[in-house]
PDB file of N, CA and C in Angstrom:
ATOM      1  N   MET A   1     -78.193 -30.188   1.471  1.00  0.00           N
ATOM      2  CA  MET A   1     -77.737 -30.535   0.158  1.00  0.00           C
ATOM      3  C   MET A   1     -76.211 -30.556   0.148  1.00  0.00           C
ATOM      4  N   GLY A   2     -75.639 -31.435  -0.686  1.00  0.00           N
ATOM      5  CA  GLY A   2     -74.194 -31.584  -0.738  1.00  0.00           C
ATOM      6  C   GLY A   2     -73.525 -30.499  -1.545  1.00  0.00           C
ATOM      7  N   GLU A   3     -72.233 -30.557  -1.547  1.00  0.00           N
ATOM      8  CA  GLU A   3     -71.445 -29.567  -2.279  1.00  0.00           C
ATOM      9  C   GLU A   3     -71.424 -29.920  -3.761  1.00  0.00           C
ATOM     10  N   VAL A   4     -71.514 -28.935  -4.617  1.00  0.00           N
ATOM     11  CA  VAL A   4     -71.505 -29.133  -6.054  1.00  0.00           C
ATOM     12  C   VAL A   4     -70.044 -29.285  -6.495  1.00  0.00           C
ATOM     13  N   ILE A   5     -69.788 -30.337  -7.290  1.00  0.00           N
ATOM     14  CA  ILE A   5     -68.423 -30.563  -7.774  1.00  0.00           C
ATOM     15  C   ILE A   5     -68.437 -30.676  -9.291  1.00  0.00           C
ATOM     16  N   ASN A   6     -67.349 -30.325  -9.893  1.00  0.00           N
ATOM     17  CA  ASN A   6     -67.177 -30.467 -11.335  1.00  0.00           C
ATOM     18  C   ASN A   6     -66.680 -31.893 -11.579  1.00  0.00           C
ATOM     19  N   LEU A   7     -67.482 -32.693 -12.281  1.00  0.00           N
ATOM     20  CA  LEU A   7     -67.147 -34.099 -12.481  1.00  0.00           C
ATOM     21  C   LEU A   7     -65.881 -34.272 -13.329  1.00  0.00           C
ATOM     22  N   ASN A   8     -65.662 -33.389 -14.293  1.00  0.00           N
ATOM     23  CA  ASN A   8     -64.450 -33.486 -15.110  1.00  0.00           C
ATOM     24  C   ASN A   8     -63.202 -33.300 -14.256  1.00  0.00           C
ATOM     25  N   LYS A   9     -63.226 -32.303 -13.385  1.00  0.00           N
ATOM     26  CA  LYS A   9     -62.077 -32.066 -12.514  1.00  0.00           C
ATOM     27  C   LYS A   9     -61.877 -33.214 -11.537  1.00  0.00           C
ATOM     28  N   ALA A  10     -62.968 -33.759 -11.005  1.00  0.00           N
ATOM     29  CA  ALA A  10     -62.866 -34.877 -10.070  1.00  0.00           C
ATOM     30  C   ALA A  10     -62.298 -36.105 -10.778  1.00  0.00           C
ATOM     31  N   ARG A  11     -62.741 -36.356 -12.004  1.00  0.00           N
ATOM     32  CA  ARG A  11     -62.259 -37.502 -12.771  1.00  0.00           C
ATOM     33  C   ARG A  11     -60.766 -37.354 -13.070  1.00  0.00           C
ATOM     34  N   LYS A  12     -60.355 -36.157 -13.475  1.00  0.00           N
ATOM     35  CA  LYS A  12     -58.945 -35.922 -13.770  1.00  0.00           C
ATOM     36  C   LYS A  12     -58.087 -36.027 -12.514  1.00  0.00           C
ATOM     37  N   ARG A  13     -58.588 -35.524 -11.396  1.00  0.00           N
ATOM     38  CA  ARG A  13     -57.855 -35.605 -10.135  1.00  0.00           C
ATOM     39  C   ARG A  13     -57.644 -37.064  -9.741  1.00  0.00           C
ATOM     40  N   LYS A  14     -58.693 -37.886  -9.905  1.00  0.00           N
ATOM     41  CA  LYS A  14     -58.593 -39.308  -9.578  1.00  0.00           C
ATOM     42  C   LYS A  14     -57.614 -40.003 -10.524  1.00  0.00           C
ATOM     43  N   ALA A  15     -57.651 -39.656 -11.806  1.00  0.00           N
ATOM     44  CA  ALA A  15     -56.733 -40.260 -12.774  1.00  0.00           C
ATOM     45  C   ALA A  15     -55.287 -39.916 -12.438  1.00  0.00           C
ATOM     46  N   ARG A  16     -55.029 -38.660 -12.053  1.00  0.00           N
ATOM     47  CA  ARG A  16     -53.671 -38.262 -11.670  1.00  0.00           C
ATOM     48  C   ARG A  16     -53.209 -39.019 -10.429  1.00  0.00           C
ATOM     49  N   ALA A  17     -54.095 -39.180  -9.459  1.00  0.00           N
ATOM     50  CA  ALA A  17     -53.741 -39.905  -8.233  1.00  0.00           C
ATOM     51  C   ALA A  17     -53.448 -41.369  -8.541  1.00  0.00           C
ATOM     52  N   ASP A  18     -54.270 -41.968  -9.422  1.00  0.00           N
ATOM     53  CA  ASP A  18     -54.034 -43.363  -9.801  1.00  0.00           C
ATOM     54  C   ASP A  18     -52.711 -43.511 -10.548  1.00  0.00           C
ATOM     55  N   ALA A  19     -52.423 -42.571 -11.435  1.00  0.00           N
ATOM     56  CA  ALA A  19     -51.167 -42.623 -12.190  1.00  0.00           C
ATOM     57  C   ALA A  19     -49.972 -42.455 -11.257  1.00  0.00           C
ATOM     58  N   ALA A  20     -50.095 -41.574 -10.280  1.00  0.00           N
ATOM     59  CA  ALA A  20     -48.997 -41.380  -9.327  1.00  0.00           C
ATOM     60  C   ALA A  20     -48.775 -42.636  -8.493  1.00  0.00           C
ATOM     61  N   ALA A  21     -49.861 -43.293  -8.104  1.00  0.00           N
ATOM     62  CA  ALA A  21     -49.733 -44.530  -7.321  1.00  0.00           C
ATOM     63  C   ALA A  21     -49.077 -45.620  -8.169  1.00  0.00           C
ATOM     64  N   GLN A  22     -49.466 -45.723  -9.435  1.00  0.00           N
ATOM     65  CA  GLN A  22     -48.875 -46.720 -10.328  1.00  0.00           C
ATOM     66  C   GLN A  22     -47.393 -46.434 -10.549  1.00  0.00           C
ATOM     67  N   ALA A  23     -47.042 -45.167 -10.702  1.00  0.00           N
ATOM     68  CA  ALA A  23     -45.642 -44.793 -10.894  1.00  0.00           C
ATOM     69  C   ALA A  23     -44.810 -45.154  -9.668  1.00  0.00           C
ATOM     70  N   ALA A  24     -45.357 -44.909  -8.493  1.00  0.00           N
ATOM     71  CA  ALA A  24     -44.642 -45.251  -7.265  1.00  0.00           C
ATOM     72  C   ALA A  24     -44.426 -46.759  -7.167  1.00  0.00           C
ATOM     73  N   GLU A  25     -45.445 -47.522  -7.540  1.00  0.00           N
ATOM     74  CA  GLU A  25     -45.325 -48.984  -7.510  1.00  0.00           C
ATOM     75  C   GLU A  25     -44.279 -49.451  -8.514  1.00  0.00           C
ATOM     76  N   ASN A  26     -44.271 -48.856  -9.698  1.00  0.00           N
ATOM     77  CA  ASN A  26     -43.291 -49.239 -10.716  1.00  0.00           C
ATOM     78  C   ASN A  26     -41.875 -48.885 -10.293  1.00  0.00           C
ATOM     79  N   ARG A  27     -41.698 -47.758  -9.605  1.00  0.00           N
ATOM     80  CA  ARG A  27     -40.362 -47.392  -9.130  1.00  0.00           C
ATOM     81  C   ARG A  27     -39.833 -48.429  -8.150  1.00  0.00           C
ATOM     82  N   VAL A  28     -40.712 -48.928  -7.299  1.00  0.00           N
ATOM     83  CA  VAL A  28     -40.299 -49.936  -6.331  1.00  0.00           C
ATOM     84  C   VAL A  28     -40.015 -51.256  -7.031  1.00  0.00           C
ATOM     85  N   ARG A  29     -40.871 -51.622  -7.985  1.00  0.00           N
ATOM     86  CA  ARG A  29     -40.729 -52.907  -8.658  1.00  0.00           C
ATOM     87  C   ARG A  29     -39.531 -52.968  -9.593  1.00  0.00           C
ATOM     88  N   PHE A  30     -39.388 -51.948 -10.439  1.00  0.00           N
ATOM     89  CA  PHE A  30     -38.427 -52.032 -11.522  1.00  0.00           C
ATOM     90  C   PHE A  30     -37.233 -51.109 -11.360  1.00  0.00           C
ATOM     91  N   GLY A  31     -37.267 -50.232 -10.404  1.00  0.00           N
ATOM     92  CA  GLY A  31     -36.196 -49.259 -10.240  1.00  0.00           C
ATOM     93  C   GLY A  31     -34.925 -49.899  -9.719  1.00  0.00           C
ATOM     94  N   ARG A  32     -33.824 -49.281 -10.068  1.00  0.00           N
ATOM     95  CA  ARG A  32     -32.534 -49.727  -9.554  1.00  0.00           C
ATOM     96  C   ARG A  32     -31.896 -48.554  -8.848  1.00  0.00           C
ATOM     97  N   THR A  33     -31.135 -48.862  -7.831  1.00  0.00           N
ATOM     98  CA  THR A  33     -30.471 -47.801  -7.088  1.00  0.00           C
ATOM     99  C   THR A  33     -29.287 -47.273  -7.894  1.00  0.00           C
ATOM    100  N   ARG A  34     -28.803 -46.128  -7.513  1.00  0.00           N
ATOM    101  CA  ARG A  34     -27.656 -45.522  -8.182  1.00  0.00           C
ATOM    102  C   ARG A  34     -26.448 -46.450  -8.082  1.00  0.00           C
ATOM    103  N   GLU A  35     -26.268 -47.081  -6.935  1.00  0.00           N
ATOM    104  CA  GLU A  35     -25.129 -47.975  -6.747  1.00  0.00           C
ATOM    105  C   GLU A  35     -25.207 -49.162  -7.699  1.00  0.00           C
ATOM    106  N   GLN A  36     -26.410 -49.701  -7.904  1.00  0.00           N
ATOM    107  CA  GLN A  36     -26.564 -50.822  -8.826  1.00  0.00           C
ATOM    108  C   GLN A  36     -26.225 -50.409 -10.253  1.00  0.00           C
ATOM    109  N   LYS A  37     -26.679 -49.221 -10.662  1.00  0.00           N
ATOM    110  CA  LYS A  37     -26.375 -48.738 -12.006  1.00  0.00           C
ATOM    111  C   LYS A  37     -24.881 -48.511 -12.179  1.00  0.00           C
ATOM    112  N   GLN A  38     -24.223 -47.939 -11.165  1.00  0.00           N
ATOM    113  CA  GLN A  38     -22.786 -47.693 -11.252  1.00  0.00           C
ATOM    114  C   GLN A  38     -22.010 -49.001 -11.290  1.00  0.00           C
ATOM    115  N   LEU A  39     -22.442 -49.991 -10.516  1.00  0.00           N
ATOM    116  CA  LEU A  39     -21.785 -51.291 -10.525  1.00  0.00           C
ATOM    117  C   LEU A  39     -21.910 -51.942 -11.898  1.00  0.00           C
ATOM    118  N   ASP A  40     -23.099 -51.898 -12.500  1.00  0.00           N
ATOM    119  CA  ASP A  40     -23.290 -52.462 -13.828  1.00  0.00           C
ATOM    120  C   ASP A  40     -22.415 -51.749 -14.859  1.00  0.00           C
ATOM    121  N   ALA A  41     -22.325 -50.433 -14.763  1.00  0.00           N
ATOM    122  CA  ALA A  41     -21.496 -49.680 -15.699  1.00  0.00           C
ATOM    123  C   ALA A  41     -20.029 -50.048 -15.524  1.00  0.00           C
ATOM    124  N   ALA A  42     -19.579 -50.223 -14.293  1.00  0.00           N
ATOM    125  CA  ALA A  42     -18.187 -50.583 -14.033  1.00  0.00           C
ATOM    126  C   ALA A  42     -17.880 -51.980 -14.560  1.00  0.00           C
ATOM    127  N   VAL A  43     -18.788 -52.902 -14.383  1.00  0.00           N
ATOM    128  CA  VAL A  43     -18.587 -54.273 -14.871  1.00  0.00           C
ATOM    129  C   VAL A  43     -18.530 -54.274 -16.394  1.00  0.00           C
ATOM    130  N   THR A  44     -19.410 -53.530 -17.029  1.00  0.00           N
ATOM    131  CA  THR A  44     -19.432 -53.448 -18.492  1.00  0.00           C
ATOM    132  C   THR A  44     -18.149 -52.833 -19.021  1.00  0.00           C
ATOM    133  N   GLU A  45     -17.690 -51.781 -18.378  1.00  0.00           N
ATOM    134  CA  GLU A  45     -16.451 -51.122 -18.805  1.00  0.00           C
ATOM    135  C   GLU A  45     -15.250 -52.046 -18.622  1.00  0.00           C
ATOM    136  N   ALA A  46     -15.204 -52.792 -17.519  1.00  0.00           N
ATOM    137  CA  ALA A  46     -14.102 -53.725 -17.287  1.00  0.00           C
ATOM    138  C   ALA A  46     -14.099 -54.824 -18.345  1.00  0.00           C
ATOM    139  N   ALA A  47     -15.278 -55.312 -18.710  1.00  0.00           N
ATOM    140  CA  ALA A  47     -15.367 -56.344 -19.739  1.00  0.00           C
ATOM    141  C   ALA A  47     -14.908 -55.792 -21.089  1.00  0.00           C
ATOM    142  N   ARG A  48     -15.284 -54.551 -21.407  1.00  0.00           N
ATOM    143  CA  ARG A  48     -14.866 -53.940 -22.658  1.00  0.00           C
ATOM    144  C   ARG A  48     -13.344 -53.771 -22.706  1.00  0.00           C
ATOM    145  N   ARG A  49     -12.768 -53.320 -21.588  1.00  0.00           N
ATOM    146  CA  ARG A  49     -11.312 -53.151 -21.539  1.00  0.00           C
ATOM    147  C   ARG A  49     -10.601 -54.503 -21.671  1.00  0.00           C
ATOM    148  N   ARG A  50     -11.147 -55.534 -21.029  1.00  0.00           N
ATOM    149  CA  ARG A  50     -10.548 -56.865 -21.104  1.00  0.00           C
ATOM    150  C   ARG A  50     -10.593 -57.384 -22.539  1.00  0.00           C
ATOM    151  N   LEU A  51     -11.705 -57.175 -23.230  1.00  0.00           N
ATOM    152  CA  LEU A  51     -11.801 -57.614 -24.618  1.00  0.00           C
ATOM    153  C   LEU A  51     -10.844 -56.843 -25.518  1.00  0.00           C
ATOM    154  N   ASP A  52     -10.729 -55.548 -25.302  1.00  0.00           N
ATOM    155  CA  ASP A  52      -9.809 -54.743 -26.098  1.00  0.00           C
ATOM    156  C   ASP A  52      -8.361 -55.186 -25.877  1.00  0.00           C
ATOM    157  N   ALA A  53      -8.033 -55.580 -24.664  1.00  0.00           N
ATOM    158  CA  ALA A  53      -6.674 -56.020 -24.364  1.00  0.00           C
ATOM    159  C   ALA A  53      -6.364 -57.359 -25.023  1.00  0.00           C
ATOM    160  N   LEU A  54      -7.359 -58.202 -25.199  1.00  0.00           N
ATOM    161  CA  LEU A  54      -7.156 -59.525 -25.781  1.00  0.00           C
ATOM    162  C   LEU A  54      -7.302 -59.536 -27.297  1.00  0.00           C
ATOM    163  N   LYS A  55      -7.706 -58.417 -27.866  1.00  0.00           N
ATOM    164  CA  LYS A  55      -7.942 -58.352 -29.299  1.00  0.00           C
ATOM    165  C   LYS A  55      -6.631 -58.492 -30.055  1.00  0.00           C
ATOM    166  N   ARG A  56      -6.664 -59.314 -31.080  1.00  0.00           N
ATOM    167  CA  ARG A  56      -5.468 -59.501 -31.902  1.00  0.00           C
ATOM    168  C   ARG A  56      -5.433 -58.432 -32.968  1.00  0.00           C
ATOM    169  N   GLU A  57      -4.261 -57.890 -33.163  1.00  0.00           N
ATOM    170  CA  GLU A  57      -4.060 -56.896 -34.206  1.00  0.00           C
ATOM    171  C   GLU A  57      -3.523 -57.601 -35.438  1.00  0.00           C
ATOM    172  N   ASP A  58      -4.333 -57.669 -36.485  1.00  0.00           N
ATOM    173  CA  ASP A  58      -3.815 -58.227 -37.728  1.00  0.00           C
ATOM    174  C   ASP A  58      -3.591 -57.088 -38.699  1.00  0.00           C
ATOM    175  N   GLY A  59      -2.652 -57.290 -39.594  1.00  0.00           N
ATOM    176  CA  GLY A  59      -2.232 -56.221 -40.491  1.00  0.00           C
ATOM    177  C   GLY A  59      -3.283 -55.787 -41.473  1.00  0.00           C
ATOM    178  N   GLY A  60      -4.283 -56.580 -41.718  1.00  0.00           N
ATOM    179  CA  GLY A  60      -5.279 -56.218 -42.702  1.00  0.00           C
ATOM    180  C   GLY A  60      -4.818 -56.600 -44.095  1.00  0.00           C
ATOM    181  N   GLU A  61      -5.530 -56.177 -45.119  1.00  0.00           N
ATOM    182  CA  GLU A  61      -5.230 -56.573 -46.495  1.00  0.00           C
ATOM    183  C   GLU A  61      -4.016 -55.836 -47.052  1.00  0.00           C
ATOM    184  N   GLY A  62      -3.803 -54.617 -46.667  1.00  0.00           N
ATOM    185  CA  GLY A  62      -2.727 -53.830 -47.278  1.00  0.00           C
ATOM    186  C   GLY A  62      -1.416 -53.869 -46.540  1.00  0.00           C
ATOM    187  N   SER A  63      -1.189 -54.850 -45.675  1.00  0.00           N
ATOM    188  CA  SER A  63       0.031 -54.856 -44.868  1.00  0.00           C
ATOM    189  C   SER A  63       1.239 -55.416 -45.618  1.00  0.00           C
ATOM    190  N   GLY A  64       0.998 -56.198 -46.682  1.00  0.00           N
ATOM    191  CA  GLY A  64       2.120 -56.752 -47.438  1.00  0.00           C
ATOM    192  C   GLY A  64       2.566 -58.109 -46.931  1.00  0.00           C
ATOM    193  N   GLU A  65       1.931 -58.657 -45.921  1.00  0.00           N
ATOM    194  CA  GLU A  65       2.297 -59.961 -45.407  1.00  0.00           C
ATOM    195  C   GLU A  65       1.587 -61.034 -46.227  1.00  0.00           C
ATOM    196  N   ASP A  66       2.296 -62.155 -46.533  1.00  0.00           N
ATOM    197  CA  ASP A  66       1.705 -63.266 -47.268  1.00  0.00           C
ATOM    198  C   ASP A  66       1.567 -64.478 -46.418  1.00  0.00           C
TER     199      ASP A  66
END
C-alpha cells in the first residue's frame, strides 16, 4: 500500500511551486537590471535639468510690467 498524504497540503505545495515558477518566468520576462534602472533614472534627471534650464522666468501678474 502507498503512503498516505494530506491532499490539502499537497495541493498547497503544488500551488506554491507553480507560483514560484511563474514568478521566476516573470522576472526574466519583465525584470530590468539595476544598470538599466539607473540609466533610465539618469536620463530622466538630465531631461528634467535641461527643461529647468530652458524655462523662461516671467514676472507673473504682480511684477508691475506692462
